[in-house]
Amino acid sequence: MTATRRLAAILAADVAGYARLIGADEDGTLQALKAIRAELVDPTIAAHNGRLVKTTGDGLLVEFGSVVDALRGSWLQARRLTVAGQRRSCTGLPCHIAAGP
């Protein structure tokens, strides 16, 4: 039997200071996280041909078919999150994003 291999770029992202944010305002932080996922993160993943593999509360793993898509998607996502953090009064939800082949 021949194994099928494929290349993929994996993006790992999480909210920086999540425990502190949850401790300060649990309801507000969870609402902000849900809104940011729905408005920014999920559409960006889809627009760059990504596939959400796993969520971990404040983090997620995303698979992309190419490093270019992963980097474009993660850069755009980080840029939009920064803008969202300046726009939103409840939290800035800082994030850590790492992508690699």
PDB file of N, CA and C in Angstrom:
ATOM      1  N   MET A   1       0.838  -1.168   0.000  1.00  0.00           N
ATOM      2  CA  MET A   1       0.000   0.000   0.000  1.00  0.00           C
ATOM      3  C   MET A   1       0.891   1.242   0.000  1.00  0.00           C
ATOM      4  N   THR A   2       0.596   2.177  -0.860  1.00  0.00           N
ATOM      5  CA  THR A   2       1.368   3.399  -0.983  1.00  0.00           C
ATOM      6  C   THR A   2       0.730   4.508  -0.154  1.00  0.00           C
ATOM      7  N   ALA A   3       1.538   5.150   0.674  1.00  0.00           N
ATOM      8  CA  ALA A   3       1.035   6.260   1.493  1.00  0.00           C
ATOM      9  C   ALA A   3       1.012   7.534   0.654  1.00  0.00           C
ATOM     10  N   THR A   4      -0.055   8.296   0.800  1.00  0.00           N
ATOM     11  CA  THR A   4      -0.163   9.579   0.116  1.00  0.00           C
ATOM     12  C   THR A   4       0.389  10.661   1.030  1.00  0.00           C
ATOM     13  N   ARG A   5       1.330  11.423   0.492  1.00  0.00           N
ATOM     14  CA  ARG A   5       1.917  12.512   1.270  1.00  0.00           C
ATOM     15  C   ARG A   5       1.516  13.833   0.644  1.00  0.00           C
ATOM     16  N   ARG A   6       1.407  14.845   1.477  1.00  0.00           N
ATOM     17  CA  ARG A   6       1.137  16.179   0.976  1.00  0.00           C
ATOM     18  C   ARG A   6       1.803  17.188   1.890  1.00  0.00           C
ATOM     19  N   LEU A   7       2.114  18.310   1.326  1.00  0.00           N
ATOM     20  CA  LEU A   7       2.708  19.379   2.105  1.00  0.00           C
ATOM     21  C   LEU A   7       1.597  20.253   2.677  1.00  0.00           C
ATOM     22  N   ALA A   8       1.831  20.771   3.855  1.00  0.00           N
ATOM     23  CA  ALA A   8       0.861  21.668   4.467  1.00  0.00           C
ATOM     24  C   ALA A   8       1.605  22.660   5.358  1.00  0.00           C
ATOM     25  N   ALA A   9       1.052  23.822   5.498  1.00  0.00           N
ATOM     26  CA  ALA A   9       1.567  24.812   6.445  1.00  0.00           C
ATOM     27  C   ALA A   9       0.567  24.882   7.593  1.00  0.00           C
ATOM     28  N   ILE A  10       1.069  24.823   8.795  1.00  0.00           N
ATOM     29  CA  ILE A  10       0.215  24.831   9.983  1.00  0.00           C
ATOM     30  C   ILE A  10       0.361  26.162  10.702  1.00  0.00           C
ATOM     31  N   LEU A  11      -0.747  26.776  11.011  1.00  0.00           N
ATOM     32  CA  LEU A  11      -0.764  28.025  11.756  1.00  0.00           C
ATOM     33  C   LEU A  11      -1.287  27.735  13.159  1.00  0.00           C
ATOM     34  N   ALA A  12      -0.571  28.192  14.165  1.00  0.00           N
ATOM     35  CA  ALA A  12      -1.020  28.089  15.552  1.00  0.00           C
ATOM     36  C   ALA A  12      -1.195  29.504  16.074  1.00  0.00           C
ATOM     37  N   ALA A  13      -2.338  29.795  16.653  1.00  0.00           N
ATOM     38  CA  ALA A  13      -2.606  31.133  17.177  1.00  0.00           C
ATOM     39  C   ALA A  13      -3.299  31.017  18.527  1.00  0.00           C
ATOM     40  N   ASP A  14      -2.998  31.959  19.407  1.00  0.00           N
ATOM     41  CA  ASP A  14      -3.717  32.020  20.672  1.00  0.00           C
ATOM     42  C   ASP A  14      -3.784  33.458  21.151  1.00  0.00           C
ATOM     43  N   VAL A  15      -4.643  33.686  22.126  1.00  0.00           N
ATOM     44  CA  VAL A  15      -4.822  35.017  22.694  1.00  0.00           C
ATOM     45  C   VAL A  15      -3.782  35.220  23.777  1.00  0.00           C
ATOM     46  N   ALA A  16      -2.983  36.261  23.640  1.00  0.00           N
ATOM     47  CA  ALA A  16      -1.971  36.585  24.648  1.00  0.00           C
ATOM     48  C   ALA A  16      -2.657  37.106  25.902  1.00  0.00           C
ATOM     49  N   GLY A  17      -2.260  36.591  27.059  1.00  0.00           N
ATOM     50  CA  GLY A  17      -2.826  37.055  28.324  1.00  0.00           C
ATOM     51  C   GLY A  17      -4.255  36.616  28.561  1.00  0.00           C
ATOM     52  N   TYR A  18      -4.639  35.487  27.964  1.00  0.00           N
ATOM     53  CA  TYR A  18      -6.028  35.021  28.043  1.00  0.00           C
ATOM     54  C   TYR A  18      -6.485  34.818  29.485  1.00  0.00           C
ATOM     55  N   ALA A  19      -5.660  34.206  30.305  1.00  0.00           N
ATOM     56  CA  ALA A  19      -6.056  33.955  31.708  1.00  0.00           C
ATOM     57  C   ALA A  19      -6.303  35.272  32.436  1.00  0.00           C
ATOM     58  N   ARG A  20      -5.454  36.259  32.194  1.00  0.00           N
ATOM     59  CA  ARG A  20      -5.635  37.567  32.827  1.00  0.00           C
ATOM     60  C   ARG A  20      -6.926  38.226  32.341  1.00  0.00           C
ATOM     61  N   LEU A  21      -7.170  38.162  31.037  1.00  0.00           N
ATOM     62  CA  LEU A  21      -8.391  38.752  30.479  1.00  0.00           C
ATOM     63  C   LEU A  21      -9.640  38.072  31.023  1.00  0.00           C
ATOM     64  N   ILE A  22      -9.613  36.742  31.096  1.00  0.00           N
ATOM     65  CA  ILE A  22     -10.749  35.986  31.635  1.00  0.00           C
ATOM     66  C   ILE A  22     -10.963  36.342  33.104  1.00  0.00           C
ATOM     67  N   GLY A  23      -9.867  36.465  33.846  1.00  0.00           N
ATOM     68  CA  GLY A  23      -9.974  36.817  35.259  1.00  0.00           C
ATOM     69  C   GLY A  23     -10.562  38.195  35.484  1.00  0.00           C
ATOM     70  N   ALA A  24     -10.247  39.120  34.599  1.00  0.00           N
ATOM     71  CA  ALA A  24     -10.724  40.499  34.740  1.00  0.00           C
ATOM     72  C   ALA A  24     -12.169  40.655  34.287  1.00  0.00           C
ATOM     73  N   ASP A  25     -12.554  39.950  33.204  1.00  0.00           N
ATOM     74  CA  ASP A  25     -13.910  40.106  32.653  1.00  0.00           C
ATOM     75  C   ASP A  25     -14.245  38.879  31.807  1.00  0.00           C
ATOM     76  N   GLU A  26     -14.687  37.822  32.466  1.00  0.00           N
ATOM     77  CA  GLU A  26     -14.939  36.558  31.776  1.00  0.00           C
ATOM     78  C   GLU A  26     -15.974  36.710  30.669  1.00  0.00           C
ATOM     79  N   ASP A  27     -17.135  37.270  30.984  1.00  0.00           N
ATOM     80  CA  ASP A  27     -18.202  37.394  29.982  1.00  0.00           C
ATOM     81  C   ASP A  27     -17.778  38.268  28.802  1.00  0.00           C
ATOM     82  N   GLY A  28     -17.168  39.412  29.103  1.00  0.00           N
ATOM     83  CA  GLY A  28     -16.735  40.316  28.037  1.00  0.00           C
ATOM     84  C   GLY A  28     -15.676  39.701  27.151  1.00  0.00           C
ATOM     85  N   THR A  29     -14.723  38.991  27.762  1.00  0.00           N
ATOM     86  CA  THR A  29     -13.659  38.352  26.991  1.00  0.00           C
ATOM     87  C   THR A  29     -14.218  37.263  26.087  1.00  0.00           C
ATOM     88  N   LEU A  30     -15.101  36.424  26.611  1.00  0.00           N
ATOM     89  CA  LEU A  30     -15.688  35.350  25.795  1.00  0.00           C
ATOM     90  C   LEU A  30     -16.530  35.910  24.656  1.00  0.00           C
ATOM     91  N   GLN A  31     -17.297  36.962  24.928  1.00  0.00           N
ATOM     92  CA  GLN A  31     -18.098  37.589  23.871  1.00  0.00           C
ATOM     93  C   GLN A  31     -17.203  38.188  22.798  1.00  0.00           C
ATOM     94  N   ALA A  32     -16.119  38.861  23.223  1.00  0.00           N
ATOM     95  CA  ALA A  32     -15.197  39.455  22.257  1.00  0.00           C
ATOM     96  C   ALA A  32     -14.521  38.377  21.416  1.00  0.00           C
ATOM     97  N   LEU A  33     -14.105  37.286  22.059  1.00  0.00           N
ATOM     98  CA  LEU A  33     -13.452  36.194  21.343  1.00  0.00           C
ATOM     99  C   LEU A  33     -14.389  35.580  20.307  1.00  0.00           C
ATOM    100  N   LYS A  34     -15.644  35.347  20.691  1.00  0.00           N
ATOM    101  CA  LYS A  34     -16.624  34.793  19.746  1.00  0.00           C
ATOM    102  C   LYS A  34     -16.863  35.747  18.577  1.00  0.00           C
ATOM    103  N   ALA A  35     -16.970  37.043  18.869  1.00  0.00           N
ATOM    104  CA  ALA A  35     -17.204  38.027  17.812  1.00  0.00           C
ATOM    105  C   ALA A  35     -16.018  38.108  16.864  1.00  0.00           C
ATOM    106  N   ILE A  36     -14.819  38.112  17.410  1.00  0.00           N
ATOM    107  CA  ILE A  36     -13.619  38.190  16.570  1.00  0.00           C
ATOM    108  C   ILE A  36     -13.479  36.952  15.703  1.00  0.00           C
ATOM    109  N   ARG A  37     -13.776  35.781  16.264  1.00  0.00           N
ATOM    110  CA  ARG A  37     -13.736  34.553  15.448  1.00  0.00           C
ATOM    111  C   ARG A  37     -14.726  34.649  14.300  1.00  0.00           C
ATOM    112  N   ALA A  38     -15.968  35.065  14.604  1.00  0.00           N
ATOM    113  CA  ALA A  38     -17.016  35.109  13.576  1.00  0.00           C
ATOM    114  C   ALA A  38     -16.759  36.188  12.526  1.00  0.00           C
ATOM    115  N   GLU A  39     -16.304  37.356  12.961  1.00  0.00           N
ATOM    116  CA  GLU A  39     -16.149  38.492  12.051  1.00  0.00           C
ATOM    117  C   GLU A  39     -14.812  38.513  11.310  1.00  0.00           C
ATOM    118  N   LEU A  40     -13.754  38.032  11.949  1.00  0.00           N
ATOM    119  CA  LEU A  40     -12.423  38.186  11.365  1.00  0.00           C
ATOM    120  C   LEU A  40     -11.701  36.877  11.098  1.00  0.00           C
ATOM    121  N   VAL A  41     -11.597  36.047  12.096  1.00  0.00           N
ATOM    122  CA  VAL A  41     -10.738  34.863  11.991  1.00  0.00           C
ATOM    123  C   VAL A  41     -11.297  33.839  11.007  1.00  0.00           C
ATOM    124  N   ASP A  42     -12.519  33.396  11.203  1.00  0.00           N
ATOM    125  CA  ASP A  42     -13.090  32.364  10.331  1.00  0.00           C
ATOM    126  C   ASP A  42     -13.161  32.805   8.862  1.00  0.00           C
ATOM    127  N   PRO A  43     -13.621  34.042   8.565  1.00  0.00           N
ATOM    128  CA  PRO A  43     -13.618  34.463   7.162  1.00  0.00           C
ATOM    129  C   PRO A  43     -12.208  34.553   6.554  1.00  0.00           C
ATOM    130  N   THR A  44     -11.217  34.958   7.354  1.00  0.00           N
ATOM    131  CA  THR A  44      -9.848  35.044   6.849  1.00  0.00           C
ATOM    132  C   THR A  44      -9.300  33.654   6.539  1.00  0.00           C
ATOM    133  N   ILE A  45      -9.591  32.692   7.401  1.00  0.00           N
ATOM    134  CA  ILE A  45      -9.166  31.312   7.153  1.00  0.00           C
ATOM    135  C   ILE A  45      -9.766  30.805   5.848  1.00  0.00           C
ATOM    136  N   ALA A  46     -11.057  31.015   5.676  1.00  0.00           N
ATOM    137  CA  ALA A  46     -11.742  30.553   4.468  1.00  0.00           C
ATOM    138  C   ALA A  46     -11.211  31.262   3.215  1.00  0.00           C
ATOM    139  N   ALA A  47     -10.963  32.556   3.307  1.00  0.00           N
ATOM    140  CA  ALA A  47     -10.501  33.331   2.156  1.00  0.00           C
ATOM    141  C   ALA A  47      -9.111  32.912   1.690  1.00  0.00           C
ATOM    142  N   HIS A  48      -8.336  32.296   2.583  1.00  0.00           N
ATOM    143  CA  HIS A  48      -6.982  31.876   2.226  1.00  0.00           C
ATOM    144  C   HIS A  48      -6.856  30.354   2.159  1.00  0.00           C
ATOM    145  N   ASN A  49      -7.976  29.703   1.875  1.00  0.00           N
ATOM    146  CA  ASN A  49      -8.001  28.259   1.650  1.00  0.00           C
ATOM    147  C   ASN A  49      -7.500  27.459   2.841  1.00  0.00           C
ATOM    148  N   GLY A  50      -7.807  27.939   4.031  1.00  0.00           N
ATOM    149  CA  GLY A  50      -7.399  27.242   5.240  1.00  0.00           C
ATOM    150  C   GLY A  50      -8.487  26.320   5.757  1.00  0.00           C
ATOM    151  N   ARG A  51      -8.080  25.454   6.656  1.00  0.00           N
ATOM    152  CA  ARG A  51      -9.020  24.513   7.281  1.00  0.00           C
ATOM    153  C   ARG A  51      -8.740  24.513   8.776  1.00  0.00           C
ATOM    154  N   LEU A  52      -9.761  24.861   9.557  1.00  0.00           N
ATOM    155  CA  LEU A  52      -9.631  24.840  11.003  1.00  0.00           C
ATOM    156  C   LEU A  52      -9.542  23.394  11.464  1.00  0.00           C
ATOM    157  N   VAL A  53      -8.418  23.052  12.089  1.00  0.00           N
ATOM    158  CA  VAL A  53      -8.180  21.678  12.518  1.00  0.00           C
ATOM    159  C   VAL A  53      -8.648  21.464  13.949  1.00  0.00           C
ATOM    160  N   LYS A  54      -8.335  22.427  14.832  1.00  0.00           N
ATOM    161  CA  LYS A  54      -8.662  22.250  16.239  1.00  0.00           C
ATOM    162  C   LYS A  54      -8.733  23.600  16.931  1.00  0.00           C
ATOM    163  N   THR A  55      -9.662  23.725  17.875  1.00  0.00           N
ATOM    164  CA  THR A  55      -9.705  24.898  18.741  1.00  0.00           C
ATOM    165  C   THR A  55      -9.395  24.454  20.162  1.00  0.00           C
ATOM    166  N   THR A  56      -8.798  25.367  20.930  1.00  0.00           N
ATOM    167  CA  THR A  56      -8.404  25.033  22.303  1.00  0.00           C
ATOM    168  C   THR A  56      -8.775  26.159  23.258  1.00  0.00           C
ATOM    169  N   GLY A  57     -10.007  26.578  23.249  1.00  0.00           N
ATOM    170  CA  GLY A  57     -10.420  27.686  24.108  1.00  0.00           C
ATOM    171  C   GLY A  57      -9.995  29.008  23.515  1.00  0.00           C
ATOM    172  N   ASP A  58      -8.769  29.427  23.841  1.00  0.00           N
ATOM    173  CA  ASP A  58      -8.271  30.694  23.308  1.00  0.00           C
ATOM    174  C   ASP A  58      -7.358  30.500  22.102  1.00  0.00           C
ATOM    175  N   GLY A  59      -7.144  29.276  21.661  1.00  0.00           N
ATOM    176  CA  GLY A  59      -6.228  29.023  20.566  1.00  0.00           C
ATOM    177  C   GLY A  59      -6.856  28.217  19.457  1.00  0.00           C
ATOM    178  N   LEU A  60      -6.116  28.138  18.353  1.00  0.00           N
ATOM    179  CA  LEU A  60      -6.587  27.318  17.240  1.00  0.00           C
ATOM    180  C   LEU A  60      -5.414  26.870  16.387  1.00  0.00           C
ATOM    181  N   LEU A  61      -5.620  25.757  15.723  1.00  0.00           N
ATOM    182  CA  LEU A  61      -4.678  25.231  14.732  1.00  0.00           C
ATOM    183  C   LEU A  61      -5.376  25.243  13.385  1.00  0.00           C
ATOM    184  N   VAL A  62      -4.682  25.784  12.387  1.00  0.00           N
ATOM    185  CA  VAL A  62      -5.257  25.887  11.050  1.00  0.00           C
ATOM    186  C   VAL A  62      -4.268  25.296  10.052  1.00  0.00           C
ATOM    187  N   GLU A  63      -4.779  24.530   9.119  1.00  0.00           N
ATOM    188  CA  GLU A  63      -3.964  23.952   8.054  1.00  0.00           C
ATOM    189  C   GLU A  63      -4.206  24.729   6.766  1.00  0.00           C
ATOM    190  N   PHE A  64      -3.101  25.071   6.103  1.00  0.00           N
ATOM    191  CA  PHE A  64      -3.165  25.721   4.797  1.00  0.00           C
ATOM    192  C   PHE A  64      -2.424  24.852   3.799  1.00  0.00           C
ATOM    193  N   GLY A  65      -2.837  24.924   2.544  1.00  0.00           N
ATOM    194  CA  GLY A  65      -2.199  24.145   1.499  1.00  0.00           C
ATOM    195  C   GLY A  65      -0.860  24.691   1.061  1.00  0.00           C
ATOM    196  N   SER A  66      -0.584  25.947   1.401  1.00  0.00           N
ATOM    197  CA  SER A  66       0.703  26.529   1.028  1.00  0.00           C
ATOM    198  C   SER A  66       1.169  27.485   2.112  1.00  0.00           C
ATOM    199  N   VAL A  67       2.466  27.663   2.182  1.00  0.00           N
ATOM    200  CA  VAL A  67       3.052  28.601   3.132  1.00  0.00           C
ATOM    201  C   VAL A  67       2.613  30.021   2.789  1.00  0.00           C
ATOM    202  N   VAL A  68       2.493  30.321   1.501  1.00  0.00           N
ATOM    203  CA  VAL A  68       2.075  31.656   1.072  1.00  0.00           C
ATOM    204  C   VAL A  68       0.686  31.972   1.622  1.00  0.00           C
ATOM    205  N   ASP A  69      -0.254  31.048   1.479  1.00  0.00           N
ATOM    206  CA  ASP A  69      -1.596  31.262   2.025  1.00  0.00           C
ATOM    207  C   ASP A  69      -1.560  31.422   3.542  1.00  0.00           C
ATOM    208  N   ALA A  70      -0.756  30.611   4.216  1.00  0.00           N
ATOM    209  CA  ALA A  70      -0.656  30.688   5.674  1.00  0.00           C
ATOM    210  C   ALA A  70      -0.121  32.039   6.118  1.00  0.00           C
ATOM    211  N   LEU A  71       0.938  32.502   5.466  1.00  0.00           N
ATOM    212  CA  LEU A  71       1.525  33.779   5.848  1.00  0.00           C
ATOM    213  C   LEU A  71       0.626  34.950   5.502  1.00  0.00           C
ATOM    214  N   ARG A  72       0.025  34.921   4.337  1.00  0.00           N
ATOM    215  CA  ARG A  72      -0.907  36.004   3.976  1.00  0.00           C
ATOM    216  C   ARG A  72      -2.096  36.028   4.926  1.00  0.00           C
ATOM    217  N   GLY A  73      -2.634  34.866   5.200  1.00  0.00           N
ATOM    218  CA  GLY A  73      -3.779  34.788   6.107  1.00  0.00           C
ATOM    219  C   GLY A  73      -3.435  35.219   7.520  1.00  0.00           C
ATOM    220  N   SER A  74      -2.283  34.781   8.030  1.00  0.00           N
ATOM    221  CA  SER A  74      -1.913  35.131   9.404  1.00  0.00           C
ATOM    222  C   SER A  74      -1.540  36.602   9.522  1.00  0.00           C
ATOM    223  N   TRP A  75      -0.857  37.144   8.520  1.00  0.00           N
ATOM    224  CA  TRP A  75      -0.505  38.563   8.554  1.00  0.00           C
ATOM    225  C   TRP A  75      -1.759  39.423   8.511  1.00  0.00           C
ATOM    226  N   LEU A  76      -2.667  39.082   7.607  1.00  0.00           N
ATOM    227  CA  LEU A  76      -3.908  39.841   7.484  1.00  0.00           C
ATOM    228  C   LEU A  76      -4.726  39.723   8.765  1.00  0.00           C
ATOM    229  N   GLN A  77      -4.761  38.536   9.317  1.00  0.00           N
ATOM    230  CA  GLN A  77      -5.506  38.304  10.553  1.00  0.00           C
ATOM    231  C   GLN A  77      -4.918  39.139  11.697  1.00  0.00           C
ATOM    232  N   ALA A  78      -3.603  39.134  11.842  1.00  0.00           N
ATOM    233  CA  ALA A  78      -2.959  39.907  12.900  1.00  0.00           C
ATOM    234  C   ALA A  78      -3.219  41.396  12.705  1.00  0.00           C
ATOM    235  N   ARG A  79      -3.153  41.848  11.474  1.00  0.00           N
ATOM    236  CA  ARG A  79      -3.405  43.272  11.183  1.00  0.00           C
ATOM    237  C   ARG A  79      -4.849  43.632  11.527  1.00  0.00           C
ATOM    238  N   ARG A  80      -5.790  42.796  11.132  1.00  0.00           N
ATOM    239  CA  ARG A  80      -7.197  43.074  11.423  1.00  0.00           C
ATOM    240  C   ARG A  80      -7.482  43.002  12.913  1.00  0.00           C
ATOM    241  N   LEU A  81      -6.849  42.068  13.627  1.00  0.00           N
ATOM    242  CA  LEU A  81      -7.042  41.971  15.073  1.00  0.00           C
ATOM    243  C   LEU A  81      -6.517  43.214  15.772  1.00  0.00           C
ATOM    244  N   THR A  82      -5.409  43.761  15.302  1.00  0.00           N
ATOM    245  CA  THR A  82      -4.875  44.990  15.888  1.00  0.00           C
ATOM    246  C   THR A  82      -5.860  46.131  15.690  1.00  0.00           C
ATOM    247  N   VAL A  83      -6.386  46.248  14.478  1.00  0.00           N
ATOM    248  CA  VAL A  83      -7.378  47.279  14.204  1.00  0.00           C
ATOM    249  C   VAL A  83      -8.618  47.047  15.042  1.00  0.00           C
ATOM    250  N   ALA A  84      -9.051  45.788  15.155  1.00  0.00           N
ATOM    251  CA  ALA A  84     -10.230  45.472  15.960  1.00  0.00           C
ATOM    252  C   ALA A  84      -9.989  45.817  17.416  1.00  0.00           C
ATOM    253  N   GLY A  85      -8.780  45.552  17.903  1.00  0.00           N
ATOM    254  CA  GLY A  85      -8.462  45.863  19.293  1.00  0.00           C
ATOM    255  C   GLY A  85      -8.535  47.348  19.568  1.00  0.00           C
ATOM    256  N   GLN A  86      -8.179  48.164  18.594  1.00  0.00           N
ATOM    257  CA  GLN A  86      -8.252  49.608  18.765  1.00  0.00           C
ATOM    258  C   GLN A  86      -9.698  50.080  18.669  1.00  0.00           C
ATOM    259  N   ARG A  87     -10.522  49.357  17.919  1.00  0.00           N
ATOM    260  CA  ARG A  87     -11.918  49.723  17.721  1.00  0.00           C
ATOM    261  C   ARG A  87     -12.792  49.265  18.875  1.00  0.00           C
ATOM    262  N   ARG A  88     -12.484  48.126  19.444  1.00  0.00           N
ATOM    263  CA  ARG A  88     -13.313  47.533  20.482  1.00  0.00           C
ATOM    264  C   ARG A  88     -12.954  48.108  21.839  1.00  0.00           C
ATOM    265  N   SER A  89     -13.964  48.393  22.629  1.00  0.00           N
ATOM    266  CA  SER A  89     -13.696  48.944  23.949  1.00  0.00           C
ATOM    267  C   SER A  89     -13.535  47.855  25.004  1.00  0.00           C
ATOM    268  N   CYS A  90     -14.030  46.636  24.740  1.00  0.00           N
ATOM    269  CA  CYS A  90     -14.015  45.594  25.777  1.00  0.00           C
ATOM    270  C   CYS A  90     -12.635  44.986  25.977  1.00  0.00           C
ATOM    271  N   THR A  91     -11.906  44.689  24.911  1.00  0.00           N
ATOM    272  CA  THR A  91     -10.559  44.138  25.044  1.00  0.00           C
ATOM    273  C   THR A  91      -9.786  44.422  23.771  1.00  0.00           C
ATOM    274  N   GLY A  92      -8.511  44.242  23.825  1.00  0.00           N
ATOM    275  CA  GLY A  92      -7.691  44.293  22.620  1.00  0.00           C
ATOM    276  C   GLY A  92      -7.418  42.898  22.115  1.00  0.00           C
ATOM    277  N   LEU A  93      -7.711  41.872  22.939  1.00  0.00           N
ATOM    278  CA  LEU A  93      -7.412  40.484  22.630  1.00  0.00           C
ATOM    279  C   LEU A  93      -6.129  40.331  21.814  1.00  0.00           C
ATOM    280  N   PRO A  94      -4.979  40.603  22.426  1.00  0.00           N
ATOM    281  CA  PRO A  94      -3.720  40.414  21.722  1.00  0.00           C
ATOM    282  C   PRO A  94      -3.533  38.946  21.359  1.00  0.00           C
ATOM    283  N   CYS A  95      -2.824  38.682  20.281  1.00  0.00           N
ATOM    284  CA  CYS A  95      -2.679  37.304  19.847  1.00  0.00           C
ATOM    285  C   CYS A  95      -1.231  36.962  19.549  1.00  0.00           C
ATOM    286  N   HIS A  96      -0.925  35.676  19.645  1.00  0.00           N
ATOM    287  CA  HIS A  96       0.342  35.120  19.191  1.00  0.00           C
ATOM    288  C   HIS A  96       0.026  34.295  17.961  1.00  0.00           C
ATOM    289  N   ILE A  97       0.763  34.508  16.892  1.00  0.00           N
ATOM    290  CA  ILE A  97       0.531  33.731  15.683  1.00  0.00           C
ATOM    291  C   ILE A  97       1.869  33.173  15.217  1.00  0.00           C
ATOM    292  N   ALA A  98       1.891  31.883  14.934  1.00  0.00           N
ATOM    293  CA  ALA A  98       3.091  31.237  14.411  1.00  0.00           C
ATOM    294  C   ALA A  98       2.687  30.361  13.237  1.00  0.00           C
ATOM    295  N   ALA A  99       3.446  30.418  12.180  1.00  0.00           N
ATOM    296  CA  ALA A  99       3.157  29.579  11.011  1.00  0.00           C
ATOM    297  C   ALA A  99       4.443  28.913  10.579  1.00  0.00           C
ATOM    298  N   GLY A 100       4.336  27.687  10.120  1.00  0.00           N
ATOM    299  CA  GLY A 100       5.525  26.989   9.653  1.00  0.00           C
ATOM    300  C   GLY A 100       5.175  25.842   8.744  1.00  0.00           C
ATOM    301  N   PRO A 101       6.120  25.431   7.918  1.00  0.00           N
ATOM    302  CA  PRO A 101       5.870  24.302   7.000  1.00  0.00           C
ATOM    303  C   PRO A 101       5.897  22.989   7.724  1.00  0.00           C
TER     304      PRO A 101
END
